[in-house]
C-alpha atoms as a PDB file:
ATOM      1  CA  MET A   1     -52.325 -19.904-106.697  1.00  0.00           C
ATOM      2  CA  SER A   2     -51.255 -21.292-103.313  1.00  0.00           C
ATOM      3  CA  LEU A   3     -47.632 -21.964-102.499  1.00  0.00           C
ATOM      4  CA  PRO A   4     -46.354 -25.550-102.229  1.00  0.00           C
ATOM      5  CA  VAL A   5     -46.730 -26.899 -98.719  1.00  0.00           C
ATOM      6  CA  TYR A   6     -42.995 -27.179 -98.102  1.00  0.00           C
ATOM      7  CA  ILE A   7     -42.567 -23.496 -99.024  1.00  0.00           C
ATOM      8  CA  GLN A   8     -45.335 -22.528 -96.594  1.00  0.00           C
ATOM      9  CA  ILE A   9     -43.529 -24.475 -93.861  1.00  0.00           C
ATOM     10  CA  HIS A  10     -40.214 -22.901 -94.876  1.00  0.00           C
ATOM     11  CA  ASN A  11     -41.747 -19.430 -94.579  1.00  0.00           C
ATOM     12  CA  ASP A  12     -43.279 -20.159 -91.193  1.00  0.00           C
ATOM     13  CA  ILE A  13     -40.038 -21.526 -89.735  1.00  0.00           C
ATOM     14  CA  LYS A  14     -38.111 -18.586 -91.186  1.00  0.00           C
ATOM     15  CA  GLN A  15     -40.518 -16.147 -89.508  1.00  0.00           C
ATOM     16  CA  LYS A  16     -40.048 -17.934 -86.175  1.00  0.00           C
ATOM     17  CA  ILE A  17     -36.287 -17.572 -86.506  1.00  0.00           C
ATOM     18  CA  GLU A  18     -36.560 -13.898 -87.476  1.00  0.00           C
ATOM     19  CA  ARG A  19     -38.900 -13.229 -84.520  1.00  0.00           C
ATOM     20  CA  GLY A  20     -36.432 -14.917 -82.174  1.00  0.00           C
ATOM     21  CA  ILE A  21     -38.751 -17.775 -81.206  1.00  0.00           C
ATOM     22  CA  TRP A  22     -35.839 -20.061 -82.154  1.00  0.00           C
ATOM     23  CA  LYS A  23     -32.571 -18.261 -81.445  1.00  0.00           C
ATOM     24  CA  VAL A  24     -29.130 -18.587 -83.015  1.00  0.00           C
ATOM     25  CA  GLY A  25     -27.419 -21.695 -81.664  1.00  0.00           C
ATOM     26  CA  GLU A  26     -30.697 -23.283 -80.507  1.00  0.00           C
ATOM     27  CA  ARG A  27     -31.660 -26.753 -81.682  1.00  0.00           C
ATOM     28  CA  ILE A  28     -35.040 -26.848 -83.386  1.00  0.00           C
ATOM     29  CA  PRO A  29     -37.526 -29.675 -82.734  1.00  0.00           C
ATOM     30  CA  SER A  30     -36.909 -32.995 -84.452  1.00  0.00           C
ATOM     31  CA  GLU A  31     -38.197 -33.615 -87.968  1.00  0.00           C
ATOM     32  CA  ARG A  32     -40.705 -36.103 -86.568  1.00  0.00           C
ATOM     33  CA  LYS A  33     -42.074 -33.521 -84.120  1.00  0.00           C
ATOM     34  CA  LEU A  34     -42.234 -30.781 -86.774  1.00  0.00           C
ATOM     35  CA  ALA A  35     -43.920 -33.095 -89.261  1.00  0.00           C
ATOM     36  CA  GLU A  36     -46.574 -33.833 -86.654  1.00  0.00           C
ATOM     37  CA  ASP A  37     -46.991 -30.149 -85.810  1.00  0.00           C
ATOM     38  CA  TYR A  38     -47.431 -29.176 -89.473  1.00  0.00           C
ATOM     39  CA  HIS A  39     -49.496 -32.281 -90.292  1.00  0.00           C
ATOM     40  CA  VAL A  40     -47.254 -33.279 -93.205  1.00  0.00           C
ATOM     41  CA  SER A  41     -45.075 -36.219 -94.153  1.00  0.00           C
ATOM     42  CA  ARG A  42     -41.444 -36.405 -93.037  1.00  0.00           C
ATOM     43  CA  MET A  43     -40.434 -36.040 -96.692  1.00  0.00           C
ATOM     44  CA  THR A  44     -42.294 -32.729 -97.077  1.00  0.00           C
ATOM     45  CA  LEU A  45     -40.907 -31.440 -93.799  1.00  0.00           C
ATOM     46  CA  ARG A  46     -37.378 -32.476 -94.770  1.00  0.00           C
ATOM     47  CA  GLN A  47     -37.717 -30.555 -98.036  1.00  0.00           C
ATOM     48  CA  ALA A  48     -38.573 -27.375 -96.120  1.00  0.00           C
ATOM     49  CA  ILE A  49     -35.680 -27.885 -93.690  1.00  0.00           C
ATOM     50  CA  GLN A  50     -33.196 -28.510 -96.496  1.00  0.00           C
ATOM     51  CA  THR A  51     -34.217 -25.264 -98.188  1.00  0.00           C
ATOM     52  CA  LEU A  52     -33.497 -23.371 -94.957  1.00  0.00           C
ATOM     53  CA  ILE A  53     -30.149 -25.136 -94.663  1.00  0.00           C
ATOM     54  CA  ASP A  54     -29.293 -24.154 -98.234  1.00  0.00           C
ATOM     55  CA  GLU A  55     -30.090 -20.548 -97.307  1.00  0.00           C
ATOM     56  CA  GLY A  56     -27.779 -20.702 -94.310  1.00  0.00           C
ATOM     57  CA  LEU A  57     -30.487 -20.244 -91.654  1.00  0.00           C
ATOM     58  CA  LEU A  58     -30.199 -23.777 -90.293  1.00  0.00           C
ATOM     59  CA  ARG A  59     -27.376 -26.282 -90.063  1.00  0.00           C
ATOM     60  CA  ARG A  60     -27.318 -30.005 -89.398  1.00  0.00           C
ATOM     61  CA  ALA A  61     -24.842 -31.405 -86.879  1.00  0.00           C
ATOM     62  CA  VAL A  62     -24.301 -35.118 -87.371  1.00  0.00           C
ATOM     63  CA  GLY A  63     -25.757 -37.000 -84.418  1.00  0.00           C
ATOM     64  CA  SER A  64     -26.902 -33.828 -82.653  1.00  0.00           C
ATOM     65  CA  GLY A  65     -29.820 -32.397 -84.617  1.00  0.00           C
ATOM     66  CA  THR A  66     -30.567 -29.237 -86.586  1.00  0.00           C
ATOM     67  CA  PHE A  67     -29.605 -25.811 -85.230  1.00  0.00           C
ATOM     68  CA  VAL A  68     -30.396 -22.190 -85.973  1.00  0.00           C
ATOM     69  CA  THR A  69     -27.360 -20.447 -87.357  1.00  0.00           C
ATOM     70  CA  SER A  70     -26.574 -16.880 -88.255  1.00  0.00           C
ATOM     71  CA  GLN A  71     -26.450 -15.764 -91.860  1.00  0.00           C
ATOM     72  CA  ARG A  72     -23.432 -16.844 -93.895  1.00  0.00           C
ATOM     73  CA  VAL A  73     -20.139 -15.258 -92.937  1.00  0.00           C
ATOM     74  CA  GLN A  74     -19.134 -12.865 -95.718  1.00  0.00           C
ATOM     75  CA  GLU A  75     -15.637 -12.097 -96.931  1.00  0.00           C
ATOM     76  CA  HIS A  76     -14.963  -9.257 -99.326  1.00  0.00           C
ATOM     77  CA  MET A  77     -12.747 -10.400-102.199  1.00  0.00           C
ATOM     78  CA  SER A  78     -10.637  -7.272-102.254  1.00  0.00           C
ATOM     79  CA  GLY A  79      -7.255  -6.760-100.640  1.00  0.00           C
ATOM     80  CA  ILE A  80      -6.343  -9.280 -97.960  1.00  0.00           C
ATOM     81  CA  SER A  81      -7.654 -10.176 -94.535  1.00  0.00           C
ATOM     82  CA  SER A  82      -7.087 -12.961 -92.048  1.00  0.00           C
ATOM     83  CA  PHE A  83      -9.711 -15.425 -90.865  1.00  0.00           C
ATOM     84  CA  THR A  84      -9.527 -13.835 -87.418  1.00  0.00           C
ATOM     85  CA  GLU A  85     -10.239 -10.376 -88.828  1.00  0.00           C
ATOM     86  CA  THR A  86     -13.094 -11.687 -90.986  1.00  0.00           C
ATOM     87  CA  MET A  87     -14.792 -13.365 -88.010  1.00  0.00           C
ATOM     88  CA  GLU A  88     -14.384 -10.334 -85.783  1.00  0.00           C
ATOM     89  CA  SER A  89     -15.800  -8.039 -88.468  1.00  0.00           C
ATOM     90  CA  GLU A  90     -18.892 -10.271 -88.480  1.00  0.00           C
ATOM     91  CA  GLY A  91     -19.241 -10.031 -84.703  1.00  0.00           C
ATOM     92  CA  LYS A  92     -18.156 -13.634 -84.183  1.00  0.00           C
ATOM     93  CA  VAL A  93     -15.538 -15.070 -81.847  1.00  0.00           C
ATOM     94  CA  PRO A  94     -12.818 -16.778 -83.914  1.00  0.00           C
ATOM     95  CA  SER A  95     -11.051 -19.925 -82.752  1.00  0.00           C
ATOM     96  CA  SER A  96      -8.922 -22.654 -84.287  1.00  0.00           C
ATOM     97  CA  LYS A  97      -7.944 -26.265 -83.718  1.00  0.00           C
ATOM     98  CA  THR A  98      -4.501 -27.164 -85.079  1.00  0.00           C
ATOM     99  CA  LEU A  99      -4.582 -30.617 -86.669  1.00  0.00           C
ATOM    100  CA  SER A 100      -0.966 -30.729 -87.873  1.00  0.00           C
ATOM    101  CA  TYR A 101       2.110 -28.481 -87.726  1.00  0.00           C
ATOM    102  CA  LYS A 102       5.214 -29.707 -89.555  1.00  0.00           C
ATOM    103  CA  ILE A 103       8.484 -28.356 -90.981  1.00  0.00           C
ATOM    104  CA  ILE A 104       8.952 -30.345 -94.182  1.00  0.00           C
ATOM    105  CA  GLU A 105      10.123 -30.296 -97.776  1.00  0.00           C
ATOM    106  CA  PRO A 106       7.678 -28.381 -99.998  1.00  0.00           C
ATOM    107  CA  THR A 107       5.705 -29.961-102.778  1.00  0.00           C
ATOM    108  CA  PHE A 108       6.320 -28.674-106.299  1.00  0.00           C
ATOM    109  CA  LYS A 109       3.071 -26.709-106.097  1.00  0.00           C
ATOM    110  CA  GLU A 110       4.064 -25.066-102.795  1.00  0.00           C
ATOM    111  CA  ALA A 111       7.590 -24.242-103.969  1.00  0.00           C
ATOM    112  CA  GLN A 112       6.235 -22.689-107.147  1.00  0.00           C
ATOM    113  CA  ALA A 113       3.579 -20.641-105.332  1.00  0.00           C
ATOM    114  CA  LEU A 114       6.064 -19.304-102.758  1.00  0.00           C
ATOM    115  CA  ASP A 115       8.908 -18.825-105.243  1.00  0.00           C
ATOM    116  CA  LEU A 116      11.254 -20.876-103.049  1.00  0.00           C
ATOM    117  CA  LYS A 117      14.897 -21.573-103.758  1.00  0.00           C
ATOM    118  CA  ASN A 118      16.447 -25.038-103.710  1.00  0.00           C
ATOM    119  CA  ASN A 119      16.564 -26.784-100.319  1.00  0.00           C
ATOM    120  CA  GLU A 120      14.228 -24.284 -98.618  1.00  0.00           C
ATOM    121  CA  ARG A 121      11.907 -25.957 -96.157  1.00  0.00           C
ATOM    122  CA  VAL A 122       8.365 -24.929 -95.286  1.00  0.00           C
ATOM    123  CA  LEU A 123       5.925 -25.006 -92.439  1.00  0.00           C
ATOM    124  CA  ARG A 124       2.716 -26.734 -93.434  1.00  0.00           C
ATOM    125  CA  MET A 125      -0.130 -26.564 -90.942  1.00  0.00           C
ATOM    126  CA  GLU A 126      -3.708 -27.756 -91.097  1.00  0.00           C
ATOM    127  CA  ARG A 127      -6.289 -26.002 -88.968  1.00  0.00           C
ATOM    128  CA  LEU A 128     -10.001 -26.308 -88.362  1.00  0.00           C
ATOM    129  CA  ARG A 129     -11.376 -22.764 -88.065  1.00  0.00           C
ATOM    130  CA  PHE A 130     -14.496 -21.809 -86.077  1.00  0.00           C
ATOM    131  CA  GLY A 131     -16.803 -18.819 -85.680  1.00  0.00           C
ATOM    132  CA  ASP A 132     -18.680 -18.779 -82.358  1.00  0.00           C
ATOM    133  CA  GLY A 133     -17.767 -22.440 -81.959  1.00  0.00           C
ATOM    134  CA  GLU A 134     -19.254 -23.454 -85.304  1.00  0.00           C
ATOM    135  CA  PRO A 135     -16.872 -25.056 -87.825  1.00  0.00           C
ATOM    136  CA  ILE A 136     -16.485 -22.752 -90.832  1.00  0.00           C
ATOM    137  CA  CYS A 137     -13.565 -24.162 -92.800  1.00  0.00           C
ATOM    138  CA  LEU A 138     -10.637 -26.548 -92.995  1.00  0.00           C
ATOM    139  CA  GLU A 139      -7.460 -24.666 -93.873  1.00  0.00           C
ATOM    140  CA  THR A 140      -4.026 -25.845 -95.014  1.00  0.00           C
ATOM    141  CA  THR A 141      -1.394 -23.103 -94.869  1.00  0.00           C
ATOM    142  CA  THR A 142       2.172 -23.290 -96.159  1.00  0.00           C
ATOM    143  CA  VAL A 143       4.851 -20.652 -95.459  1.00  0.00           C
ATOM    144  CA  SER A 144       8.621 -20.561 -95.659  1.00  0.00           C
ATOM    145  CA  ALA A 145      10.259 -21.998 -92.537  1.00  0.00           C
ATOM    146  CA  GLU A 146      12.686 -19.067 -92.657  1.00  0.00           C
ATOM    147  CA  LEU A 147       9.809 -16.578 -92.356  1.00  0.00           C
ATOM    148  CA  ILE A 148       8.620 -17.932 -89.009  1.00  0.00           C
ATOM    149  CA  LYS A 149      12.077 -18.282 -87.443  1.00  0.00           C
ATOM    150  CA  GLY A 150      11.888 -16.950 -83.884  1.00  0.00           C
ATOM    151  CA  MET A 151       8.092 -17.175 -83.742  1.00  0.00           C
ATOM    152  CA  SER A 152       6.308 -19.598 -81.433  1.00  0.00           C
ATOM    153  CA  GLN A 153       3.720 -22.069 -82.659  1.00  0.00           C
ATOM    154  CA  ALA A 154       1.064 -20.024 -80.857  1.00  0.00           C
ATOM    155  CA  ASP A 155       2.190 -16.883 -82.719  1.00  0.00           C
ATOM    156  CA  VAL A 156       1.666 -18.680 -86.011  1.00  0.00           C
ATOM    157  CA  THR A 157      -1.524 -20.600 -85.295  1.00  0.00           C
ATOM    158  CA  ASP A 158      -3.503 -18.030 -83.280  1.00  0.00           C
ATOM    159  CA  SER A 159      -3.354 -15.093 -85.705  1.00  0.00           C
ATOM    160  CA  PHE A 160      -0.507 -15.324 -88.185  1.00  0.00           C
ATOM    161  CA  TYR A 161      -0.982 -11.917 -89.828  1.00  0.00           C
ATOM    162  CA  ARG A 162      -1.060 -10.052 -86.526  1.00  0.00           C
ATOM    163  CA  SER A 163       2.029 -11.911 -85.357  1.00  0.00           C
ATOM    164  CA  LEU A 164       3.891 -11.058 -88.550  1.00  0.00           C
ATOM    165  CA  GLU A 165       3.203  -7.375 -87.956  1.00  0.00           C
ATOM    166  CA  ASP A 166       3.881  -7.424 -84.214  1.00  0.00           C
ATOM    167  CA  GLU A 167       6.941  -9.693 -84.267  1.00  0.00           C
ATOM    168  CA  LYS A 168       8.597  -8.804 -87.569  1.00  0.00           C
ATOM    169  CA  GLY A 169       7.017  -5.587 -88.768  1.00  0.00           C
ATOM    170  CA  LEU A 170       5.742  -7.311 -91.907  1.00  0.00           C
ATOM    171  CA  ILE A 171       2.305  -6.369 -93.253  1.00  0.00           C
ATOM    172  CA  PRO A 172       0.455  -8.549 -95.797  1.00  0.00           C
ATOM    173  CA  ALA A 173      -0.503  -6.389 -98.772  1.00  0.00           C
ATOM    174  CA  ASN A 174      -2.525  -8.324-101.328  1.00  0.00           C
ATOM    175  CA  ALA A 175      -3.412 -11.766-102.597  1.00  0.00           C
ATOM    176  CA  GLN A 176      -4.370 -13.783-105.623  1.00  0.00           C
ATOM    177  CA  GLN A 177      -7.475 -15.858-104.961  1.00  0.00           C
ATOM    178  CA  TYR A 178      -9.032 -18.689-106.934  1.00  0.00           C
ATOM    179  CA  ILE A 179     -12.414 -20.187-105.993  1.00  0.00           C
ATOM    180  CA  SER A 180     -13.947 -23.458-107.130  1.00  0.00           C
ATOM    181  CA  ALA A 181     -16.922 -25.570-106.053  1.00  0.00           C
ATOM    182  CA  ILE A 182     -16.371 -29.147-104.882  1.00  0.00           C
ATOM    183  CA  LEU A 183     -18.164 -31.775-102.793  1.00  0.00           C
ATOM    184  CA  ALA A 184     -17.147 -32.618 -99.248  1.00  0.00           C
ATOM    185  CA  SER A 185     -15.162 -35.813 -98.762  1.00  0.00           C
ATOM    186  CA  SER A 186     -16.023 -38.083 -95.837  1.00  0.00           C
ATOM    187  CA  ARG A 187     -13.041 -36.812 -93.827  1.00  0.00           C
ATOM    188  CA  VAL A 188     -13.803 -33.136 -94.448  1.00  0.00           C
ATOM    189  CA  ALA A 189     -17.538 -33.633 -93.837  1.00  0.00           C
ATOM    190  CA  GLU A 190     -16.905 -35.220 -90.451  1.00  0.00           C
ATOM    191  CA  MET A 191     -14.666 -32.375 -89.311  1.00  0.00           C
ATOM    192  CA  LEU A 192     -16.983 -29.637 -90.607  1.00  0.00           C
ATOM    193  CA  GLU A 193     -20.123 -31.365 -89.254  1.00  0.00           C
ATOM    194  CA  ILE A 194     -21.826 -31.704 -92.630  1.00  0.00           C
ATOM    195  CA  LYS A 195     -22.731 -34.652 -94.838  1.00  0.00           C
ATOM    196  CA  PRO A 196     -20.348 -36.244 -97.351  1.00  0.00           C
ATOM    197  CA  GLY A 197     -21.165 -34.748-100.736  1.00  0.00           C
ATOM    198  CA  ASP A 198     -22.401 -31.434 -99.315  1.00  0.00           C
ATOM    199  CA  PRO A 199     -21.217 -28.370-101.279  1.00  0.00           C
ATOM    200  CA  ILE A 200     -17.839 -26.872-100.423  1.00  0.00           C
ATOM    201  CA  LEU A 201     -16.250 -23.599-101.557  1.00  0.00           C
ATOM    202  CA  LYS A 202     -12.564 -24.249-102.152  1.00  0.00           C
ATOM    203  CA  LEU A 203     -10.275 -21.224-102.001  1.00  0.00           C
ATOM    204  CA  LYS A 204      -6.662 -21.237-103.190  1.00  0.00           C
ATOM    205  CA  GLN A 205      -4.786 -18.120-102.129  1.00  0.00           C
ATOM    206  CA  ILE A 206      -1.246 -16.811-102.598  1.00  0.00           C
ATOM    207  CA  SER A 207      -0.521 -13.859-100.308  1.00  0.00           C
ATOM    208  CA  TYR A 208       2.096 -11.156-100.897  1.00  0.00           C
ATOM    209  CA  PHE A 209       3.958  -8.449 -99.018  1.00  0.00           C
ATOM    210  CA  ASN A 210       4.286  -4.909-100.410  1.00  0.00           C
ATOM    211  CA  ASN A 211       7.379  -5.889-102.376  1.00  0.00           C
ATOM    212  CA  GLN A 212       5.239  -8.470-104.191  1.00  0.00           C
ATOM    213  CA  LYS A 213       7.150 -11.344-102.615  1.00  0.00           C
ATOM    214  CA  PRO A 214       4.808 -14.295-101.985  1.00  0.00           C
ATOM    215  CA  PHE A 215       4.889 -15.461 -98.369  1.00  0.00           C
ATOM    216  CA  GLU A 216       1.845 -17.705 -97.898  1.00  0.00           C
ATOM    217  CA  PHE A 217       0.066 -20.423 -99.854  1.00  0.00           C
ATOM    218  CA  VAL A 218      -3.347 -21.431 -98.508  1.00  0.00           C
ATOM    219  CA  GLU A 219      -5.934 -23.969 -99.586  1.00  0.00           C
ATOM    220  CA  THR A 220      -9.190 -23.679 -97.658  1.00  0.00           C
ATOM    221  CA  GLN A 221     -12.434 -25.646 -97.804  1.00  0.00           C
ATOM    222  CA  TYR A 222     -15.428 -23.602 -96.594  1.00  0.00           C
ATOM    223  CA  VAL A 223     -18.884 -24.929 -95.734  1.00  0.00           C
ATOM    224  CA  ALA A 224     -20.983 -23.367 -98.489  1.00  0.00           C
ATOM    225  CA  GLN A 225     -23.974 -23.138 -96.148  1.00  0.00           C
ATOM    226  CA  ARG A 226     -22.019 -20.935 -93.732  1.00  0.00           C
ATOM    227  CA  PHE A 227     -19.734 -18.806 -95.872  1.00  0.00           C
ATOM    228  CA  GLU A 228     -19.837 -16.680 -99.000  1.00  0.00           C
ATOM    229  CA  PHE A 229     -17.534 -14.343-100.886  1.00  0.00           C
ATOM    230  CA  TYR A 230     -18.652 -11.058-102.400  1.00  0.00           C
ATOM    231  CA  LEU A 231     -17.074  -8.544-104.737  1.00  0.00           C
ATOM    232  CA  ASN A 232     -17.865  -4.873-105.264  1.00  0.00           C
ATOM    233  CA  LYS A 233     -17.422  -3.635-108.820  1.00  0.00           C
END
């Protein structure tokens, strides 16, 4: 029994990527051109492309086309690691764009997660995080304002965990993590270069020092096509 046409096209494109005919970061031909090359309708071609996107081999950039991407970034759900460390362990160059950085009153949820006392203020920052220039996630981090006293904004936004160790001798020890699946809002989709309604992995994390004092509350929205968590039993 022969495979459906879109699967045959999927397999052929996948082989071209694996053989390096289309390299990571390269834009593939347009859907119109590929449909002509494979002698199929745009609908059939689009079905093959979407399957490759779902597998993390291709990604769509709004207004720019479809690009070859590396396999999903993987993060081991054990212990604690920073985004910077995760990217570097995958052989990618990490970078960030800070969207907001404010010292404010905490929400009830933030105060509860960080076990804050009355009148304690927090730093809340929102960052767009990249691996090799590709947007991976949108991250909102909240920490006690007292914790970052004496640290520059660059210390906090570039690699917070490394700065904590270098500047204050504090080493993150463990974390509680909660993962859920949601759909990308229009705002998030635009920033992460995906379509509204595309799947998102939402991570809520509370990080602790060795004394089990919580110091960080993070809510992160990952592009499901580009990121996955794994757990060893």
